[in-house]
Amino acid sequence: GRRGSFGLSGRAPEVQLGGGARPAGLRGEGRLEHVGFNYRTRPAMPVLRDFSLNGPANSTAALVGASGAGKTTVIALLQRFYDVDRGRILVDGADLRADVPTEAAARPPRAAPW
């Protein structure tokens, strides 16, 4: 059977979500700034190196590329399955690691915040 969107269904996140601040409203602007990431099982093989992306609120973006280019990894990072090793991910200017509430980070894998 199908494993779900981007193959992330059924996986347990590596990151334990703690809560974060509750914003008055969520506009949905997303930004990845100089993100670097390696899977713990393959520390010598970087998946993302200095990756940046800006997603304005109320816009649609598509990640396209060859197999193994990091598309699913970007979605997994947005969903907090993992934390970035370098750089940061912002939602409405708030760092996803510390400032974004759990419910904003826990959307289905196919629904990025922008």
N, C-alpha and C. Protein backbone atom coordinates (compact mmCIF):
# COMPACT_ATOMS: atom_id res chain seq x y z
N GLY A 1 0.81 -1.20 0.00
CA GLY A 1 0.00 0.00 0.00
C GLY A 1 0.85 1.25 0.00
N ARG A 2 0.18 2.36 -0.15
CA ARG A 2 0.87 3.64 -0.16
C ARG A 2 1.29 4.01 1.25
N ARG A 3 2.42 4.67 1.36
CA ARG A 3 2.93 5.07 2.66
C ARG A 3 2.48 6.46 3.05
N GLY A 4 1.75 7.16 2.21
CA GLY A 4 1.30 8.51 2.54
C GLY A 4 2.15 9.55 1.86
N SER A 5 1.82 10.79 2.08
CA SER A 5 2.51 11.91 1.45
C SER A 5 3.99 11.92 1.79
N PHE A 6 4.81 11.92 0.77
CA PHE A 6 6.26 12.03 0.89
C PHE A 6 6.88 10.92 1.73
N GLY A 7 6.15 9.84 2.00
CA GLY A 7 6.73 8.74 2.74
C GLY A 7 6.94 9.04 4.22
N LEU A 8 6.31 10.07 4.77
CA LEU A 8 6.53 10.43 6.16
C LEU A 8 5.46 9.88 7.10
N SER A 9 4.35 9.38 6.57
CA SER A 9 3.27 8.88 7.42
C SER A 9 3.78 7.73 8.27
N GLY A 10 3.38 7.76 9.51
CA GLY A 10 3.74 6.68 10.41
C GLY A 10 5.10 6.82 11.06
N ARG A 11 5.90 7.79 10.67
CA ARG A 11 7.21 8.00 11.29
C ARG A 11 7.05 8.80 12.57
N ALA A 12 7.83 8.46 13.55
CA ALA A 12 7.85 9.24 14.79
C ALA A 12 8.89 10.34 14.65
N PRO A 13 8.55 11.57 15.03
CA PRO A 13 9.52 12.64 14.93
C PRO A 13 10.69 12.44 15.88
N GLU A 14 11.87 12.86 15.45
CA GLU A 14 13.06 12.82 16.29
C GLU A 14 13.00 13.94 17.33
N VAL A 15 12.31 15.02 16.99
CA VAL A 15 12.23 16.21 17.84
C VAL A 15 11.03 16.09 18.77
N GLN A 16 11.22 16.37 20.04
CA GLN A 16 10.12 16.41 20.99
C GLN A 16 9.61 17.84 21.06
N LEU A 17 8.35 18.05 20.67
CA LEU A 17 7.77 19.39 20.65
C LEU A 17 7.37 19.80 22.06
N GLY A 18 7.68 21.07 22.38
CA GLY A 18 7.43 21.53 23.73
C GLY A 18 6.30 22.51 23.89
N GLY A 19 5.85 23.16 22.88
CA GLY A 19 4.75 24.11 23.04
C GLY A 19 5.01 25.39 22.28
N GLY A 20 5.94 26.21 22.72
CA GLY A 20 6.24 27.47 22.05
C GLY A 20 5.22 28.54 22.38
N ALA A 21 5.51 29.73 21.94
CA ALA A 21 4.62 30.87 22.17
C ALA A 21 3.40 30.76 21.26
N ARG A 22 2.28 31.30 21.70
CA ARG A 22 1.07 31.28 20.89
C ARG A 22 0.92 32.64 20.22
N PRO A 23 1.10 32.71 18.90
CA PRO A 23 0.96 34.00 18.22
C PRO A 23 -0.51 34.41 18.14
N ALA A 24 -0.73 35.72 17.99
CA ALA A 24 -2.10 36.24 17.87
C ALA A 24 -2.76 35.70 16.60
N GLY A 25 -1.99 35.53 15.55
CA GLY A 25 -2.49 34.99 14.29
C GLY A 25 -1.33 34.44 13.49
N LEU A 26 -1.60 33.50 12.63
CA LEU A 26 -0.56 32.89 11.81
C LEU A 26 -0.76 33.34 10.38
N ARG A 27 0.16 34.18 9.87
CA ARG A 27 0.09 34.64 8.48
C ARG A 27 0.53 33.55 7.52
N GLY A 28 1.58 32.81 7.90
CA GLY A 28 2.03 31.71 7.07
C GLY A 28 3.25 31.98 6.22
N GLU A 29 3.99 33.06 6.50
CA GLU A 29 5.24 33.30 5.77
C GLU A 29 6.30 32.33 6.29
N GLY A 30 6.97 31.64 5.38
CA GLY A 30 8.00 30.69 5.77
C GLY A 30 9.33 31.03 5.14
N ARG A 31 10.41 30.81 5.90
CA ARG A 31 11.74 31.10 5.37
C ARG A 31 12.74 30.10 5.93
N LEU A 32 13.51 29.51 5.05
CA LEU A 32 14.64 28.67 5.46
C LEU A 32 15.89 29.49 5.17
N GLU A 33 16.72 29.67 6.18
CA GLU A 33 17.92 30.50 6.04
C GLU A 33 19.18 29.68 6.24
N HIS A 34 19.93 29.49 5.18
CA HIS A 34 21.25 28.84 5.22
C HIS A 34 21.22 27.50 5.97
N VAL A 35 20.21 26.70 5.65
CA VAL A 35 19.99 25.44 6.36
C VAL A 35 21.00 24.38 5.91
N GLY A 36 21.54 23.70 6.89
CA GLY A 36 22.40 22.55 6.67
C GLY A 36 21.84 21.38 7.47
N PHE A 37 21.88 20.19 6.88
CA PHE A 37 21.33 19.02 7.58
C PHE A 37 22.00 17.75 7.12
N ASN A 38 22.30 16.87 8.07
CA ASN A 38 22.80 15.52 7.83
C ASN A 38 21.94 14.56 8.65
N TYR A 39 21.54 13.44 8.07
CA TYR A 39 20.85 12.42 8.87
C TYR A 39 21.86 11.80 9.82
N ARG A 40 21.42 11.49 11.04
CA ARG A 40 22.31 10.93 12.07
C ARG A 40 22.91 9.59 11.63
N THR A 41 22.18 8.86 10.79
CA THR A 41 22.66 7.56 10.34
C THR A 41 23.73 7.68 9.25
N ARG A 42 23.84 8.87 8.63
CA ARG A 42 24.85 9.10 7.59
C ARG A 42 25.50 10.47 7.81
N PRO A 43 26.24 10.63 8.90
CA PRO A 43 26.78 11.95 9.23
C PRO A 43 27.79 12.50 8.22
N ALA A 44 28.41 11.65 7.45
CA ALA A 44 29.40 12.12 6.48
C ALA A 44 28.79 12.54 5.15
N MET A 45 27.47 12.36 5.01
CA MET A 45 26.80 12.69 3.74
C MET A 45 25.79 13.81 3.95
N PRO A 46 26.19 15.07 3.73
CA PRO A 46 25.24 16.17 3.90
C PRO A 46 24.07 16.06 2.92
N VAL A 47 22.86 16.30 3.42
CA VAL A 47 21.67 16.28 2.58
C VAL A 47 21.38 17.69 2.07
N LEU A 48 21.49 18.66 2.97
CA LEU A 48 21.31 20.07 2.60
C LEU A 48 22.54 20.86 3.05
N ARG A 49 23.01 21.72 2.17
CA ARG A 49 24.15 22.60 2.48
C ARG A 49 23.79 24.02 2.10
N ASP A 50 23.72 24.91 3.08
CA ASP A 50 23.47 26.33 2.84
C ASP A 50 22.23 26.54 1.98
N PHE A 51 21.15 25.84 2.30
CA PHE A 51 19.90 25.90 1.55
C PHE A 51 19.03 27.02 2.09
N SER A 52 18.59 27.91 1.21
CA SER A 52 17.70 29.01 1.59
C SER A 52 16.49 29.03 0.67
N LEU A 53 15.34 29.40 1.24
CA LEU A 53 14.09 29.46 0.49
C LEU A 53 13.17 30.43 1.21
N ASN A 54 12.49 31.27 0.46
CA ASN A 54 11.53 32.20 1.03
C ASN A 54 10.16 31.89 0.46
N GLY A 55 9.19 31.69 1.34
CA GLY A 55 7.82 31.42 0.93
C GLY A 55 6.90 32.47 1.50
N PRO A 56 6.51 33.47 0.70
CA PRO A 56 5.59 34.49 1.20
C PRO A 56 4.25 33.88 1.62
N ALA A 57 3.58 34.53 2.55
CA ALA A 57 2.25 34.08 2.99
C ALA A 57 1.31 34.03 1.79
N ASN A 58 0.38 33.11 1.84
CA ASN A 58 -0.65 32.94 0.80
C ASN A 58 -0.06 32.64 -0.58
N SER A 59 1.05 31.93 -0.61
CA SER A 59 1.65 31.55 -1.89
C SER A 59 1.79 30.03 -1.93
N THR A 60 2.06 29.52 -3.11
CA THR A 60 2.25 28.10 -3.30
C THR A 60 3.66 27.88 -3.83
N ALA A 61 4.32 26.87 -3.32
CA ALA A 61 5.67 26.54 -3.79
C ALA A 61 5.74 25.05 -4.09
N ALA A 62 6.57 24.69 -5.04
CA ALA A 62 6.81 23.28 -5.36
C ALA A 62 8.29 23.01 -5.28
N LEU A 63 8.66 21.93 -4.63
CA LEU A 63 10.05 21.50 -4.60
C LEU A 63 10.22 20.42 -5.65
N VAL A 64 11.07 20.67 -6.61
CA VAL A 64 11.32 19.71 -7.68
C VAL A 64 12.81 19.44 -7.76
N GLY A 65 13.16 18.25 -8.18
CA GLY A 65 14.56 17.91 -8.32
C GLY A 65 14.72 16.41 -8.44
N ALA A 66 15.95 16.02 -8.65
CA ALA A 66 16.28 14.61 -8.81
C ALA A 66 16.07 13.85 -7.51
N SER A 67 15.93 12.55 -7.63
CA SER A 67 15.83 11.69 -6.47
C SER A 67 17.07 11.88 -5.60
N GLY A 68 16.86 12.05 -4.31
CA GLY A 68 17.99 12.23 -3.39
C GLY A 68 18.45 13.67 -3.26
N ALA A 69 17.72 14.62 -3.87
CA ALA A 69 18.14 16.03 -3.83
C ALA A 69 17.77 16.72 -2.53
N GLY A 70 16.91 16.12 -1.69
CA GLY A 70 16.57 16.72 -0.40
C GLY A 70 15.16 17.25 -0.29
N LYS A 71 14.30 16.97 -1.26
CA LYS A 71 12.93 17.49 -1.24
C LYS A 71 12.16 16.99 -0.01
N THR A 72 12.16 15.70 0.21
CA THR A 72 11.46 15.12 1.35
C THR A 72 12.09 15.59 2.66
N THR A 73 13.39 15.76 2.68
CA THR A 73 14.07 16.25 3.87
C THR A 73 13.60 17.65 4.24
N VAL A 74 13.42 18.53 3.26
CA VAL A 74 12.93 19.88 3.53
C VAL A 74 11.55 19.80 4.19
N ILE A 75 10.66 18.96 3.66
CA ILE A 75 9.33 18.82 4.25
C ILE A 75 9.43 18.26 5.67
N ALA A 76 10.28 17.27 5.88
CA ALA A 76 10.46 16.68 7.21
C ALA A 76 10.98 17.72 8.20
N LEU A 77 11.87 18.61 7.75
CA LEU A 77 12.37 19.67 8.63
C LEU A 77 11.27 20.67 8.96
N LEU A 78 10.45 21.00 7.97
CA LEU A 78 9.33 21.92 8.21
C LEU A 78 8.35 21.34 9.22
N GLN A 79 8.19 20.03 9.19
CA GLN A 79 7.25 19.36 10.08
C GLN A 79 7.86 18.98 11.42
N ARG A 80 9.12 19.34 11.64
CA ARG A 80 9.84 19.07 12.89
C ARG A 80 10.06 17.59 13.14
N PHE A 81 10.17 16.79 12.08
CA PHE A 81 10.62 15.42 12.27
C PHE A 81 12.08 15.44 12.71
N TYR A 82 12.81 16.46 12.28
CA TYR A 82 14.21 16.66 12.62
C TYR A 82 14.44 18.15 12.82
N ASP A 83 15.51 18.50 13.49
CA ASP A 83 15.95 19.89 13.58
C ASP A 83 17.12 20.09 12.65
N VAL A 84 17.27 21.32 12.17
CA VAL A 84 18.39 21.64 11.29
C VAL A 84 19.69 21.55 12.08
N ASP A 85 20.78 21.25 11.39
CA ASP A 85 22.10 21.24 12.02
C ASP A 85 22.72 22.64 11.98
N ARG A 86 22.42 23.37 10.93
CA ARG A 86 22.92 24.74 10.75
C ARG A 86 21.80 25.58 10.17
N GLY A 87 21.86 26.87 10.38
CA GLY A 87 20.85 27.77 9.86
C GLY A 87 19.59 27.73 10.70
N ARG A 88 18.49 28.22 10.11
CA ARG A 88 17.23 28.23 10.86
C ARG A 88 16.03 28.24 9.92
N ILE A 89 14.90 27.84 10.47
CA ILE A 89 13.63 27.87 9.75
C ILE A 89 12.71 28.81 10.52
N LEU A 90 12.15 29.78 9.81
CA LEU A 90 11.28 30.78 10.42
C LEU A 90 9.87 30.66 9.88
N VAL A 91 8.88 30.82 10.73
CA VAL A 91 7.48 30.93 10.34
C VAL A 91 7.00 32.26 10.89
N ASP A 92 6.61 33.16 9.99
CA ASP A 92 6.21 34.51 10.39
C ASP A 92 7.28 35.18 11.23
N GLY A 93 8.54 34.93 10.92
CA GLY A 93 9.65 35.56 11.62
C GLY A 93 10.07 34.88 12.91
N ALA A 94 9.34 33.86 13.34
CA ALA A 94 9.65 33.15 14.58
C ALA A 94 10.42 31.87 14.25
N ASP A 95 11.46 31.61 15.02
CA ASP A 95 12.28 30.40 14.82
C ASP A 95 11.44 29.17 15.15
N LEU A 96 11.35 28.25 14.22
CA LEU A 96 10.55 27.04 14.37
C LEU A 96 10.98 26.21 15.57
N ARG A 97 12.27 26.26 15.92
CA ARG A 97 12.77 25.44 17.02
C ARG A 97 12.29 25.92 18.38
N ALA A 98 12.05 27.22 18.54
CA ALA A 98 11.76 27.72 19.87
C ALA A 98 10.45 28.49 19.99
N ASP A 99 10.03 29.15 18.91
CA ASP A 99 8.98 30.14 19.05
C ASP A 99 7.64 29.78 18.44
N VAL A 100 7.56 28.70 17.68
CA VAL A 100 6.32 28.38 16.97
C VAL A 100 5.55 27.33 17.77
N PRO A 101 4.24 27.55 18.00
CA PRO A 101 3.48 26.59 18.79
C PRO A 101 3.39 25.23 18.12
N THR A 102 3.22 24.20 18.92
CA THR A 102 3.16 22.83 18.46
C THR A 102 2.16 22.64 17.33
N GLU A 103 0.95 23.21 17.46
CA GLU A 103 -0.07 22.98 16.44
C GLU A 103 0.32 23.57 15.09
N ALA A 104 1.11 24.64 15.06
CA ALA A 104 1.55 25.22 13.78
C ALA A 104 2.58 24.33 13.12
N ALA A 105 3.37 23.62 13.89
CA ALA A 105 4.42 22.75 13.35
C ALA A 105 3.91 21.35 13.04
N ALA A 106 2.72 21.01 13.51
CA ALA A 106 2.24 19.63 13.39
C ALA A 106 1.21 19.46 12.28
N ARG A 107 1.32 20.18 11.21
CA ARG A 107 0.40 20.03 10.07
C ARG A 107 0.77 18.79 9.28
N PRO A 108 -0.12 18.32 8.43
CA PRO A 108 0.22 17.16 7.59
C PRO A 108 1.46 17.46 6.72
N PRO A 109 2.29 16.47 6.42
CA PRO A 109 3.53 16.69 5.67
C PRO A 109 3.34 17.40 4.34
N ARG A 110 2.21 17.27 3.68
CA ARG A 110 2.04 17.89 2.38
C ARG A 110 1.67 19.37 2.51
N ALA A 111 1.42 19.87 3.72
CA ALA A 111 0.99 21.25 3.91
C ALA A 111 2.07 22.05 4.58
N ALA A 112 2.96 22.62 3.79
CA ALA A 112 3.99 23.51 4.34
C ALA A 112 3.33 24.77 4.83
N PRO A 113 3.98 25.55 5.71
CA PRO A 113 3.33 26.73 6.24
C PRO A 113 3.13 27.85 5.23
N TRP A 114 3.57 27.67 4.01
CA TRP A 114 3.28 28.68 2.99
C TRP A 114 2.81 28.03 1.72
